[in-house]
C-alpha atoms as a PDB file:
ATOM      1  CA  MET A   1      23.248  19.452 -18.019  1.00  0.00           C
ATOM      2  CA  TRP A   2      21.952  16.150 -19.568  1.00  0.00           C
ATOM      3  CA  ASN A   3      19.520  15.207 -16.722  1.00  0.00           C
ATOM      4  CA  ASN A   4      16.199  13.800 -18.034  1.00  0.00           C
ATOM      5  CA  ILE A   5      17.859  13.991 -21.369  1.00  0.00           C
ATOM      6  CA  GLU A   6      17.279  11.052 -24.024  1.00  0.00           C
ATOM      7  CA  PHE A   7      18.683  10.921 -27.645  1.00  0.00           C
ATOM      8  CA  ALA A   8      16.557   9.748 -30.557  1.00  0.00           C
ATOM      9  CA  ASN A   9      19.609   8.914 -32.652  1.00  0.00           C
ATOM     10  CA  PRO A  10      22.312   7.845 -30.208  1.00  0.00           C
ATOM     11  CA  GLU A  11      24.281   6.007 -32.914  1.00  0.00           C
ATOM     12  CA  CYS A  12      25.164   9.411 -34.215  1.00  0.00           C
ATOM     13  CA  PHE A  13      27.794   9.744 -31.175  1.00  0.00           C
ATOM     14  CA  TYR A  14      30.003   7.271 -33.132  1.00  0.00           C
ATOM     15  CA  LEU A  15      30.996  10.295 -35.224  1.00  0.00           C
ATOM     16  CA  LEU A  16      32.749  11.743 -32.263  1.00  0.00           C
ATOM     17  CA  LEU A  17      35.715   9.398 -33.049  1.00  0.00           C
ATOM     18  CA  LEU A  18      36.424  11.555 -35.938  1.00  0.00           C
ATOM     19  CA  ILE A  19      37.503  14.341 -33.775  1.00  0.00           C
ATOM     20  CA  PRO A  20      40.637  12.701 -32.413  1.00  0.00           C
ATOM     21  CA  LEU A  21      41.512  11.459 -35.995  1.00  0.00           C
ATOM     22  CA  ILE A  22      41.208  14.977 -37.064  1.00  0.00           C
ATOM     23  CA  VAL A  23      43.395  16.076 -34.181  1.00  0.00           C
ATOM     24  CA  VAL A  24      45.949  13.670 -34.936  1.00  0.00           C
ATOM     25  CA  PHE A  25      46.065  14.669 -38.781  1.00  0.00           C
ATOM     26  CA  TYR A  26      46.328  18.288 -37.714  1.00  0.00           C
ATOM     27  CA  ILE A  27      49.316  17.705 -35.502  1.00  0.00           C
ATOM     28  CA  LEU A  28      51.113  15.571 -38.194  1.00  0.00           C
ATOM     29  CA  LYS A  29      50.573  18.281 -40.917  1.00  0.00           C
ATOM     30  CA  LEU A  30      51.608  20.962 -38.367  1.00  0.00           C
ATOM     31  CA  ARG A  31      54.979  19.139 -37.937  1.00  0.00           C
ATOM     32  CA  LYS A  32      55.491  18.755 -41.570  1.00  0.00           C
ATOM     33  CA  SER A  33      55.087  22.493 -41.952  1.00  0.00           C
ATOM     34  CA  TYR A  34      58.304  23.207 -40.016  1.00  0.00           C
ATOM     35  CA  PRO A  35      61.433  23.573 -42.233  1.00  0.00           C
ATOM     36  CA  VAL A  36      63.667  20.412 -42.336  1.00  0.00           C
ATOM     37  CA  LEU A  37      66.934  22.199 -43.386  1.00  0.00           C
ATOM     38  CA  GLN A  38      68.304  24.282 -40.472  1.00  0.00           C
ATOM     39  CA  ILE A  39      71.039  26.893 -41.216  1.00  0.00           C
ATOM     40  CA  SER A  40      73.465  27.737 -38.330  1.00  0.00           C
ATOM     41  CA  ASP A  41      72.838  31.393 -37.441  1.00  0.00           C
ATOM     42  CA  PHE A  42      73.831  33.406 -34.301  1.00  0.00           C
ATOM     43  CA  HIS A  43      71.266  36.067 -35.118  1.00  0.00           C
ATOM     44  CA  ASN A  44      68.377  33.505 -34.387  1.00  0.00           C
ATOM     45  CA  LYS A  45      69.949  31.679 -31.544  1.00  0.00           C
ATOM     46  CA  GLY A  46      67.484  30.549 -28.874  1.00  0.00           C
ATOM     47  CA  SER A  47      63.885  28.920 -29.111  1.00  0.00           C
ATOM     48  CA  ARG A  48      61.664  29.631 -31.874  1.00  0.00           C
ATOM     49  CA  HIS A  49      59.171  32.476 -31.629  1.00  0.00           C
ATOM     50  CA  VAL A  50      55.604  31.874 -31.588  1.00  0.00           C
ATOM     51  CA  SER A  51      53.378  34.503 -32.828  1.00  0.00           C
ATOM     52  CA  PHE A  52      50.005  35.706 -31.526  1.00  0.00           C
ATOM     53  CA  LYS A  53      48.366  34.911 -34.697  1.00  0.00           C
ATOM     54  CA  GLU A  54      49.842  31.209 -34.808  1.00  0.00           C
ATOM     55  CA  ILE A  55      48.419  30.702 -31.249  1.00  0.00           C
ATOM     56  CA  LEU A  56      45.341  32.227 -32.627  1.00  0.00           C
ATOM     57  CA  LEU A  57      45.197  29.395 -35.457  1.00  0.00           C
ATOM     58  CA  HIS A  58      45.516  26.645 -32.854  1.00  0.00           C
ATOM     59  CA  ILE A  59      42.726  28.138 -30.703  1.00  0.00           C
ATOM     60  CA  LEU A  60      40.467  28.432 -33.924  1.00  0.00           C
ATOM     61  CA  PHE A  61      41.160  24.858 -34.728  1.00  0.00           C
ATOM     62  CA  GLY A  62      40.120  23.933 -31.188  1.00  0.00           C
ATOM     63  CA  VAL A  63      36.926  25.992 -31.676  1.00  0.00           C
ATOM     64  CA  GLU A  64      36.282  24.043 -34.924  1.00  0.00           C
ATOM     65  CA  MET A  65      36.615  20.815 -33.225  1.00  0.00           C
ATOM     66  CA  ILE A  66      33.741  21.890 -30.445  1.00  0.00           C
ATOM     67  CA  VAL A  67      31.655  23.125 -33.295  1.00  0.00           C
ATOM     68  CA  LEU A  68      31.959  19.417 -35.055  1.00  0.00           C
ATOM     69  CA  ALA A  69      31.015  17.961 -31.546  1.00  0.00           C
ATOM     70  CA  LEU A  70      28.083  20.314 -31.088  1.00  0.00           C
ATOM     71  CA  LEU A  71      26.867  19.578 -34.276  1.00  0.00           C
ATOM     72  CA  ILE A  72      27.196  15.661 -33.694  1.00  0.00           C
ATOM     73  CA  VAL A  73      25.283  15.989 -30.604  1.00  0.00           C
ATOM     74  CA  ALA A  74      22.331  17.841 -32.254  1.00  0.00           C
ATOM     75  CA  LEU A  75      22.350  15.437 -34.927  1.00  0.00           C
ATOM     76  CA  ALA A  76      21.866  12.869 -32.169  1.00  0.00           C
ATOM     77  CA  ARG A  77      18.610  14.637 -31.422  1.00  0.00           C
ATOM     78  CA  PRO A  78      18.677  15.232 -27.587  1.00  0.00           C
ATOM     79  CA  GLN A  79      15.130  15.338 -26.298  1.00  0.00           C
ATOM     80  CA  SER A  80      13.950  16.251 -22.496  1.00  0.00           C
ATOM     81  CA  SER A  81      10.990  14.403 -21.232  1.00  0.00           C
ATOM     82  CA  GLU A  82       8.020  15.635 -18.876  1.00  0.00           C
ATOM     83  CA  LYS A  83       6.381  12.648 -17.119  1.00  0.00           C
ATOM     84  CA  ASN A  84       3.058  13.048 -15.564  1.00  0.00           C
ATOM     85  CA  LYS A  85       1.263  10.558 -13.348  1.00  0.00           C
ATOM     86  CA  THR A  86      -2.252  10.260 -12.265  1.00  0.00           C
ATOM     87  CA  MET A  87      -3.609   7.694  -9.996  1.00  0.00           C
ATOM     88  CA  ASN A  88      -7.382   6.548  -9.973  1.00  0.00           C
ATOM     89  CA  VAL A  89      -8.056   4.949  -6.518  1.00  0.00           C
ATOM     90  CA  GLU A  90     -11.058   2.752  -5.995  1.00  0.00           C
ATOM     91  CA  GLY A  91     -10.933   2.227  -2.334  1.00  0.00           C
ATOM     92  CA  ILE A  92     -12.862   0.035   0.031  1.00  0.00           C
ATOM     93  CA  ASP A  93     -15.482   1.155   2.611  1.00  0.00           C
ATOM     94  CA  ILE A  94     -14.866  -0.816   5.884  1.00  0.00           C
ATOM     95  CA  VAL A  95     -16.859  -0.799   9.003  1.00  0.00           C
ATOM     96  CA  MET A  96     -14.975  -2.336  11.992  1.00  0.00           C
ATOM     97  CA  THR A  97     -17.522  -3.728  14.395  1.00  0.00           C
ATOM     98  CA  MET A  98     -16.144  -4.424  17.957  1.00  0.00           C
ATOM     99  CA  ASP A  99     -17.860  -6.398  20.825  1.00  0.00           C
ATOM    100  CA  VAL A 100     -16.957  -4.281  24.055  1.00  0.00           C
ATOM    101  CA  SER A 101     -18.852  -6.667  26.432  1.00  0.00           C
ATOM    102  CA  GLY A 102     -17.270  -7.274  30.055  1.00  0.00           C
ATOM    103  CA  SER A 103     -16.117 -10.586  28.643  1.00  0.00           C
ATOM    104  CA  MET A 104     -13.446  -8.688  26.570  1.00  0.00           C
ATOM    105  CA  LEU A 105     -11.571  -8.032  29.854  1.00  0.00           C
ATOM    106  CA  ALA A 106     -10.500 -11.646  29.853  1.00  0.00           C
ATOM    107  CA  GLU A 107      -6.645 -11.718  29.898  1.00  0.00           C
ATOM    108  CA  ASP A 108      -5.975 -14.859  27.874  1.00  0.00           C
ATOM    109  CA  PHE A 109      -4.682 -11.996  25.372  1.00  0.00           C
ATOM    110  CA  GLN A 110      -2.047  -9.302  26.489  1.00  0.00           C
ATOM    111  CA  PRO A 111      -3.133  -7.040  28.444  1.00  0.00           C
ATOM    112  CA  ASN A 112      -6.520  -8.149  27.553  1.00  0.00           C
ATOM    113  CA  ARG A 113      -8.914  -9.030  24.686  1.00  0.00           C
ATOM    114  CA  LEU A 114     -10.138  -5.489  24.156  1.00  0.00           C
ATOM    115  CA  GLU A 115      -6.605  -3.790  24.264  1.00  0.00           C
ATOM    116  CA  ALA A 116      -5.326  -6.491  21.941  1.00  0.00           C
ATOM    117  CA  ALA A 117      -8.139  -6.068  19.752  1.00  0.00           C
ATOM    118  CA  LYS A 118      -7.826  -2.400  19.543  1.00  0.00           C
ATOM    119  CA  LYS A 119      -3.876  -2.320  18.867  1.00  0.00           C
ATOM    120  CA  VAL A 120      -4.227  -4.664  16.188  1.00  0.00           C
ATOM    121  CA  ALA A 121      -7.267  -2.956  14.471  1.00  0.00           C
ATOM    122  CA  ILE A 122      -5.120   0.453  14.650  1.00  0.00           C
ATOM    123  CA  ASN A 123      -2.333  -1.361  12.833  1.00  0.00           C
ATOM    124  CA  PHE A 124      -4.827  -2.573  10.249  1.00  0.00           C
ATOM    125  CA  ILE A 125      -6.118   1.103   9.710  1.00  0.00           C
ATOM    126  CA  ASP A 126      -2.507   2.305   9.038  1.00  0.00           C
ATOM    127  CA  GLU A 127      -1.908  -0.293   6.405  1.00  0.00           C
ATOM    128  CA  ARG A 128      -4.955   1.035   4.210  1.00  0.00           C
ATOM    129  CA  PRO A 129      -4.598   4.784   3.667  1.00  0.00           C
ATOM    130  CA  ASN A 130      -6.934   4.900   0.748  1.00  0.00           C
ATOM    131  CA  ASP A 131     -10.044   3.412   2.409  1.00  0.00           C
ATOM    132  CA  ARG A 132     -12.875   5.072   4.324  1.00  0.00           C
ATOM    133  CA  ILE A 133     -13.258   3.141   7.617  1.00  0.00           C
ATOM    134  CA  GLY A 134     -15.959   3.465  10.179  1.00  0.00           C
ATOM    135  CA  LEU A 135     -16.449   2.037  13.752  1.00  0.00           C
ATOM    136  CA  VAL A 136     -19.345   0.286  15.465  1.00  0.00           C
ATOM    137  CA  VAL A 137     -19.514  -1.066  19.068  1.00  0.00           C
ATOM    138  CA  PHE A 138     -21.753  -3.239  20.547  1.00  0.00           C
ATOM    139  CA  ALA A 139     -22.491  -4.875  23.660  1.00  0.00           C
ATOM    140  CA  GLY A 140     -26.068  -5.135  24.999  1.00  0.00           C
ATOM    141  CA  GLU A 141     -26.768  -2.645  22.269  1.00  0.00           C
ATOM    142  CA  SER A 142     -24.786  -0.950  19.454  1.00  0.00           C
ATOM    143  CA  PHE A 143     -24.024   2.646  18.449  1.00  0.00           C
ATOM    144  CA  THR A 144     -21.666   4.093  15.715  1.00  0.00           C
ATOM    145  CA  GLN A 145     -18.621   5.246  17.329  1.00  0.00           C
ATOM    146  CA  CYS A 146     -17.213   6.743  13.984  1.00  0.00           C
ATOM    147  CA  PRO A 147     -18.887   7.100  10.552  1.00  0.00           C
ATOM    148  CA  LEU A 148     -17.110   6.116   7.471  1.00  0.00           C
ATOM    149  CA  THR A 149     -13.998   8.550   7.144  1.00  0.00           C
ATOM    150  CA  THR A 150     -10.471   8.802   5.486  1.00  0.00           C
ATOM    151  CA  ASP A 151      -9.464  10.911   8.396  1.00  0.00           C
ATOM    152  CA  HIS A 152      -7.612   8.139  10.123  1.00  0.00           C
ATOM    153  CA  ALA A 153      -6.021  10.027  12.734  1.00  0.00           C
ATOM    154  CA  VAL A 154      -9.568  10.777  14.211  1.00  0.00           C
ATOM    155  CA  LEU A 155     -10.482   7.370  13.874  1.00  0.00           C
ATOM    156  CA  LYS A 156      -7.590   5.940  15.610  1.00  0.00           C
ATOM    157  CA  ASN A 157      -8.058   8.412  18.617  1.00  0.00           C
ATOM    158  CA  LEU A 158     -11.739   7.183  18.626  1.00  0.00           C
ATOM    159  CA  PHE A 159     -10.512   3.558  18.767  1.00  0.00           C
ATOM    160  CA  LYS A 160      -8.480   4.355  21.984  1.00  0.00           C
ATOM    161  CA  GLU A 161     -11.380   5.724  23.686  1.00  0.00           C
ATOM    162  CA  ILE A 162     -13.392   2.536  23.659  1.00  0.00           C
ATOM    163  CA  LYS A 163     -13.650   0.865  27.060  1.00  0.00           C
ATOM    164  CA  ILE A 164     -15.906  -1.572  28.628  1.00  0.00           C
ATOM    165  CA  GLY A 165     -18.981  -0.097  30.154  1.00  0.00           C
ATOM    166  CA  MET A 166     -19.545   2.398  27.783  1.00  0.00           C
ATOM    167  CA  ILE A 167     -22.564   0.414  26.675  1.00  0.00           C
ATOM    168  CA  GLU A 168     -25.025  -1.724  28.716  1.00  0.00           C
ATOM    169  CA  ASP A 169     -23.601  -5.247  29.010  1.00  0.00           C
ATOM    170  CA  GLY A 170     -24.637  -8.352  26.733  1.00  0.00           C
ATOM    171  CA  THR A 171     -23.574  -9.537  23.573  1.00  0.00           C
ATOM    172  CA  ALA A 172     -26.142  -8.240  20.754  1.00  0.00           C
ATOM    173  CA  ILE A 173     -24.016  -9.525  17.656  1.00  0.00           C
ATOM    174  CA  GLY A 174     -27.140  -9.157  15.475  1.00  0.00           C
ATOM    175  CA  SER A 175     -27.516  -5.224  16.620  1.00  0.00           C
ATOM    176  CA  GLY A 176     -23.906  -4.602  15.974  1.00  0.00           C
ATOM    177  CA  LEU A 177     -24.100  -6.241  12.547  1.00  0.00           C
ATOM    178  CA  ALA A 178     -27.315  -4.436  11.496  1.00  0.00           C
ATOM    179  CA  THR A 179     -25.878  -0.973  12.756  1.00  0.00           C
ATOM    180  CA  SER A 180     -22.777  -1.602  10.580  1.00  0.00           C
ATOM    181  CA  VAL A 181     -24.894  -2.240   7.396  1.00  0.00           C
ATOM    182  CA  LEU A 182     -26.749   0.786   7.760  1.00  0.00           C
ATOM    183  CA  ARG A 183     -23.558   2.698   7.764  1.00  0.00           C
ATOM    184  CA  LEU A 184     -22.468   0.885   4.461  1.00  0.00           C
ATOM    185  CA  LYS A 185     -25.823   0.496   2.457  1.00  0.00           C
ATOM    186  CA  GLU A 186     -25.472   3.993   0.941  1.00  0.00           C
ATOM    187  CA  SER A 187     -21.895   3.549  -0.030  1.00  0.00           C
ATOM    188  CA  ASP A 188     -21.009   3.572  -3.736  1.00  0.00           C
ATOM    189  CA  ALA A 189     -17.437   2.050  -3.111  1.00  0.00           C
ATOM    190  CA  LEU A 190     -16.170  -0.678  -5.198  1.00  0.00           C
ATOM    191  CA  SER A 191     -16.229  -3.109  -2.434  1.00  0.00           C
ATOM    192  CA  ARG A 192     -17.835  -2.778   1.063  1.00  0.00           C
ATOM    193  CA  VAL A 193     -16.937  -4.910   4.062  1.00  0.00           C
ATOM    194  CA  ILE A 194     -17.715  -5.546   7.946  1.00  0.00           C
ATOM    195  CA  ILE A 195     -15.257  -6.977  10.120  1.00  0.00           C
ATOM    196  CA  LEU A 196     -17.149  -8.212  13.056  1.00  0.00           C
ATOM    197  CA  LEU A 197     -14.962  -9.149  16.275  1.00  0.00           C
ATOM    198  CA  THR A 198     -16.697 -10.958  19.181  1.00  0.00           C
ATOM    199  CA  ASP A 199     -15.766 -13.358  22.144  1.00  0.00           C
ATOM    200  CA  GLY A 200     -18.958 -14.667  22.913  1.00  0.00           C
ATOM    201  CA  VAL A 201     -22.755 -15.789  22.030  1.00  0.00           C
ATOM    202  CA  ASN A 202     -25.592 -13.541  20.769  1.00  0.00           C
ATOM    203  CA  ASN A 203     -27.785 -13.060  23.889  1.00  0.00           C
ATOM    204  CA  THR A 204     -29.635 -10.025  23.231  1.00  0.00           C
ATOM    205  CA  GLY A 205     -30.559  -7.431  20.844  1.00  0.00           C
ATOM    206  CA  SER A 206     -33.636  -6.637  18.555  1.00  0.00           C
ATOM    207  CA  ILE A 207     -32.342  -8.727  15.461  1.00  0.00           C
ATOM    208  CA  ASP A 208     -30.737 -11.927  15.226  1.00  0.00           C
ATOM    209  CA  PRO A 209     -27.349 -12.374  13.432  1.00  0.00           C
ATOM    210  CA  VAL A 210     -28.693 -14.356  10.550  1.00  0.00           C
ATOM    211  CA  SER A 211     -31.299 -11.996   9.538  1.00  0.00           C
ATOM    212  CA  ALA A 212     -28.507  -9.213   9.869  1.00  0.00           C
ATOM    213  CA  ALA A 213     -26.380 -11.298   7.533  1.00  0.00           C
ATOM    214  CA  GLU A 214     -29.187 -11.640   5.041  1.00  0.00           C
ATOM    215  CA  ILE A 215     -29.567  -7.876   4.794  1.00  0.00           C
ATOM    216  CA  ALA A 216     -25.879  -7.408   4.469  1.00  0.00           C
ATOM    217  CA  LYS A 217     -25.975  -9.685   1.500  1.00  0.00           C
ATOM    218  CA  THR A 218     -28.801  -7.912  -0.243  1.00  0.00           C
ATOM    219  CA  PHE A 219     -26.688  -4.805  -0.291  1.00  0.00           C
ATOM    220  CA  GLY A 220     -23.515  -6.801  -1.381  1.00  0.00           C
ATOM    221  CA  ILE A 221     -21.523  -6.279   1.780  1.00  0.00           C
ATOM    222  CA  ARG A 222     -19.185  -9.060   2.717  1.00  0.00           C
ATOM    223  CA  VAL A 223     -18.694  -9.974   6.549  1.00  0.00           C
ATOM    224  CA  TYR A 224     -15.504 -11.179   8.004  1.00  0.00           C
ATOM    225  CA  THR A 225     -16.352 -12.636  11.547  1.00  0.00           C
ATOM    226  CA  VAL A 226     -13.348 -13.080  14.190  1.00  0.00           C
ATOM    227  CA  GLY A 227     -14.000 -15.038  17.206  1.00  0.00           C
ATOM    228  CA  VAL A 228     -11.539 -13.916  20.065  1.00  0.00           C
ATOM    229  CA  GLY A 229     -10.765 -16.131  22.813  1.00  0.00           C
ATOM    230  CA  THR A 230      -8.399 -19.162  23.763  1.00  0.00           C
ATOM    231  CA  ASN A 231      -9.662 -22.712  23.836  1.00  0.00           C
ATOM    232  CA  GLY A 232     -10.980 -24.026  27.118  1.00  0.00           C
ATOM    233  CA  THR A 233     -11.169 -21.429  29.994  1.00  0.00           C
ATOM    234  CA  ALA A 234      -9.578 -17.954  30.208  1.00  0.00           C
ATOM    235  CA  PRO A 235      -8.450 -15.802  33.468  1.00  0.00           C
ATOM    236  CA  TYR A 236     -10.922 -13.169  34.071  1.00  0.00           C
ATOM    237  CA  PRO A 237     -10.303 -10.134  36.535  1.00  0.00           C
ATOM    238  CA  ALA A 238     -12.585  -9.798  39.636  1.00  0.00           C
ATOM    239  CA  GLN A 239     -12.455  -8.035  43.099  1.00  0.00           C
ATOM    240  CA  ASP A 240     -12.826  -9.725  46.217  1.00  0.00           C
ATOM    241  CA  ILE A 241     -14.816  -8.167  49.282  1.00  0.00           C
ATOM    242  CA  PHE A 242     -11.650  -6.108  50.331  1.00  0.00           C
ATOM    243  CA  GLY A 243     -11.374  -4.620  46.904  1.00  0.00           C
ATOM    244  CA  ASN A 244      -8.319  -6.774  45.926  1.00  0.00           C
ATOM    245  CA  LYS A 245      -7.752  -8.006  42.428  1.00  0.00           C
ATOM    246  CA  ARG A 246      -8.086 -11.656  41.734  1.00  0.00           C
ATOM    247  CA  TYR A 247      -8.447 -14.040  38.796  1.00  0.00           C
ATOM    248  CA  GLN A 248     -11.321 -16.549  38.110  1.00  0.00           C
ATOM    249  CA  GLN A 249     -11.243 -18.987  35.161  1.00  0.00           C
ATOM    250  CA  VAL A 250     -14.224 -18.359  33.120  1.00  0.00           C
ATOM    251  CA  GLU A 251     -15.213 -20.819  30.084  1.00  0.00           C
ATOM    252  CA  VAL A 252     -14.834 -19.370  26.729  1.00  0.00           C
ATOM    253  CA  ASN A 253     -17.955 -19.688  24.567  1.00  0.00           C
ATOM    254  CA  ILE A 254     -17.881 -18.479  20.944  1.00  0.00           C
ATOM    255  CA  ASP A 255     -20.678 -19.372  18.722  1.00  0.00           C
ATOM    256  CA  GLU A 256     -18.517 -20.367  15.824  1.00  0.00           C
ATOM    257  CA  ASP A 257     -21.177 -22.192  13.944  1.00  0.00           C
ATOM    258  CA  LEU A 258     -23.240 -18.914  13.818  1.00  0.00           C
ATOM    259  CA  MET A 259     -20.001 -16.829  13.014  1.00  0.00           C
ATOM    260  CA  ARG A 260     -19.395 -19.379  10.251  1.00  0.00           C
ATOM    261  CA  GLN A 261     -23.045 -18.985   8.743  1.00  0.00           C
ATOM    262  CA  VAL A 262     -22.891 -15.165   8.952  1.00  0.00           C
ATOM    263  CA  SER A 263     -19.628 -15.194   6.965  1.00  0.00           C
ATOM    264  CA  SER A 264     -20.949 -17.828   4.419  1.00  0.00           C
ATOM    265  CA  ILE A 265     -24.272 -15.843   3.863  1.00  0.00           C
ATOM    266  CA  THR A 266     -22.330 -12.845   2.732  1.00  0.00           C
ATOM    267  CA  GLY A 267     -19.204 -14.254   1.043  1.00  0.00           C
ATOM    268  CA  GLY A 268     -16.989 -13.511   3.543  1.00  0.00           C
ATOM    269  CA  LYS A 269     -14.922 -15.885   6.099  1.00  0.00           C
ATOM    270  CA  TYR A 270     -14.666 -16.846   9.510  1.00  0.00           C
ATOM    271  CA  PHE A 271     -11.507 -16.394  11.790  1.00  0.00           C
ATOM    272  CA  ARG A 272     -10.628 -17.816  15.329  1.00  0.00           C
ATOM    273  CA  ALA A 273      -7.984 -15.874  17.460  1.00  0.00           C
ATOM    274  CA  THR A 274      -6.673 -17.554  20.301  1.00  0.00           C
ATOM    275  CA  ASP A 275      -3.637 -15.132  21.196  1.00  0.00           C
ATOM    276  CA  ASN A 276      -2.256 -11.685  20.209  1.00  0.00           C
ATOM    277  CA  ASN A 277      -0.166 -13.303  17.281  1.00  0.00           C
ATOM    278  CA  SER A 278      -2.920 -15.055  15.681  1.00  0.00           C
ATOM    279  CA  LEU A 279      -5.240 -12.141  15.774  1.00  0.00           C
ATOM    280  CA  ALA A 280      -2.372 -10.153  13.983  1.00  0.00           C
ATOM    281  CA  ARG A 281      -2.208 -12.688  11.487  1.00  0.00           C
ATOM    282  CA  ILE A 282      -5.871 -12.546  10.917  1.00  0.00           C
ATOM    283  CA  TYR A 283      -5.973  -9.003  10.180  1.00  0.00           C
ATOM    284  CA  GLU A 284      -2.938  -9.362   7.755  1.00  0.00           C
ATOM    285  CA  GLU A 285      -5.008 -11.935   5.765  1.00  0.00           C
ATOM    286  CA  ILE A 286      -8.012  -9.823   5.656  1.00  0.00           C
ATOM    287  CA  ASP A 287      -5.808  -6.904   4.580  1.00  0.00           C
ATOM    288  CA  LYS A 288      -4.612  -9.108   1.642  1.00  0.00           C
ATOM    289  CA  LEU A 289      -8.147 -10.536   0.640  1.00  0.00           C
ATOM    290  CA  GLU A 290      -9.508  -6.761   0.276  1.00  0.00           C
ATOM    291  CA  LYS A 291      -7.141  -4.756  -1.735  1.00  0.00           C
ATOM    292  CA  SER A 292      -8.021  -1.452  -2.946  1.00  0.00           C
ATOM    293  CA  LYS A 293      -7.872  -0.828  -7.026  1.00  0.00           C
ATOM    294  CA  ILE A 294      -5.350   1.463  -7.750  1.00  0.00           C
ATOM    295  CA  GLU A 295      -4.799   2.457 -11.500  1.00  0.00           C
ATOM    296  CA  VAL A 296      -1.859   4.624 -12.504  1.00  0.00           C
ATOM    297  CA  TYR A 297      -1.848   6.567 -15.720  1.00  0.00           C
ATOM    298  CA  GLU A 298       1.351   7.895 -17.077  1.00  0.00           C
ATOM    299  CA  TYR A 299       1.837  10.584 -19.546  1.00  0.00           C
ATOM    300  CA  GLU A 300       4.923  11.498 -21.308  1.00  0.00           C
ATOM    301  CA  LYS A 301       5.827  14.582 -23.421  1.00  0.00           C
ATOM    302  CA  LYS A 302       9.142  14.874 -25.169  1.00  0.00           C
ATOM    303  CA  ASN A 303      10.741  18.291 -26.215  1.00  0.00           C
ATOM    304  CA  GLU A 304      13.232  18.521 -28.737  1.00  0.00           C
ATOM    305  CA  GLU A 305      16.514  20.022 -27.406  1.00  0.00           C
ATOM    306  CA  PHE A 306      18.841  20.034 -30.356  1.00  0.00           C
ATOM    307  CA  PHE A 307      18.211  23.751 -31.375  1.00  0.00           C
ATOM    308  CA  ASN A 308      20.370  25.041 -28.555  1.00  0.00           C
ATOM    309  CA  TYR A 309      23.352  22.885 -29.721  1.00  0.00           C
ATOM    310  CA  ALA A 310      23.053  23.930 -33.132  1.00  0.00           C
ATOM    311  CA  LEU A 311      22.660  27.406 -32.212  1.00  0.00           C
ATOM    312  CA  TYR A 312      25.829  27.387 -30.149  1.00  0.00           C
ATOM    313  CA  ALA A 313      27.653  25.810 -33.124  1.00  0.00           C
ATOM    314  CA  LEU A 314      26.564  28.466 -35.440  1.00  0.00           C
ATOM    315  CA  ILE A 315      27.899  31.141 -33.140  1.00  0.00           C
ATOM    316  CA  LEU A 316      31.219  29.601 -32.860  1.00  0.00           C
ATOM    317  CA  LEU A 317      31.248  29.057 -36.660  1.00  0.00           C
ATOM    318  CA  CYS A 318      30.461  32.899 -37.225  1.00  0.00           C
ATOM    319  CA  LEU A 319      33.138  33.780 -34.800  1.00  0.00           C
ATOM    320  CA  ASP A 320      35.688  31.540 -36.352  1.00  0.00           C
ATOM    321  CA  PHE A 321      34.865  33.055 -39.734  1.00  0.00           C
ATOM    322  CA  ILE A 322      35.041  36.660 -38.546  1.00  0.00           C
ATOM    323  CA  ILE A 323      38.350  36.035 -37.046  1.00  0.00           C
ATOM    324  CA  ARG A 324      39.849  34.358 -39.872  1.00  0.00           C
ATOM    325  CA  LYS A 325      38.257  36.939 -42.359  1.00  0.00           C
ATOM    326  CA  PHE A 326      39.242  40.172 -40.615  1.00  0.00           C
ATOM    327  CA  VAL A 327      42.170  39.203 -37.909  1.00  0.00           C
ATOM    328  CA  LEU A 328      44.022  36.529 -39.798  1.00  0.00           C
ATOM    329  CA  ARG A 329      43.575  38.100 -43.231  1.00  0.00           C
ATOM    330  CA  ILE A 330      46.698  37.742 -45.503  1.00  0.00           C
ATOM    331  CA  LEU A 331      46.957  40.751 -47.778  1.00  0.00           C
ATOM    332  CA  PRO A 332      48.029  40.112 -51.348  1.00  0.00           C
END
């Protein structure tokens, strides 16, 4: 009954303490109304007969107490409230730029660098429901796997379809970065971010990474770079002349100085991941660095509800008056 009900004058409820006092006074008065002197009489032997009108008087007294309680509740001014919230979300546009060159098959990550990077990236997407996210892949050249979208289900499916060999081999970091800038340069988002993941050295492409970083800076785009690979050498799967799988240790070469320079130019940051756990922590840190701006506006409307209580009290009071006037009327 009183869900979402508040009272403007809750101190009025102290008046309810009057009701038990009135009840006690009524009972004491009722006892004094019985005769003190009793005369022995066989004719009236047995319990005292209680008339219908006497019962009705007690009922009317109860009704009057209910009327008093209703009036006190009305005096406390019950109010119902209607709350509405509107959210203003200023999301971030993010392009995830992923290296799909052959070296991403190295198994210093489990099961390999590419699959580990895909899994962590998908988890990152799940944590950012309000952002538009796109996907660019690069090897010897680059292309857009998914434009900026809020349909993260489609994006994640396209992530899962990434595989080695879908592009001519090589490591065109500059091309991958430039393609990502093209996806973001027309964006009017609060913040625009590129997360570029690679495990090698720029060795091909029509634009060098530093020039691409300068273009990104011009458009106010931050670039976070992630170098993927253990220190030293990493096991790389290969096949012998009989088609059997074997491993060879391949030296890990990441141009960390270049990655730092690219990030520094754009106001971003460089990270180095040497295993699955450190890669996951890197994406968690980027998630904290780039948060969407969400403003919540709350509106509250209060409605007075005392009228119903006052109306019920009036109806009961009128009923009490009618019964006393016409049913319990004492003729002269």
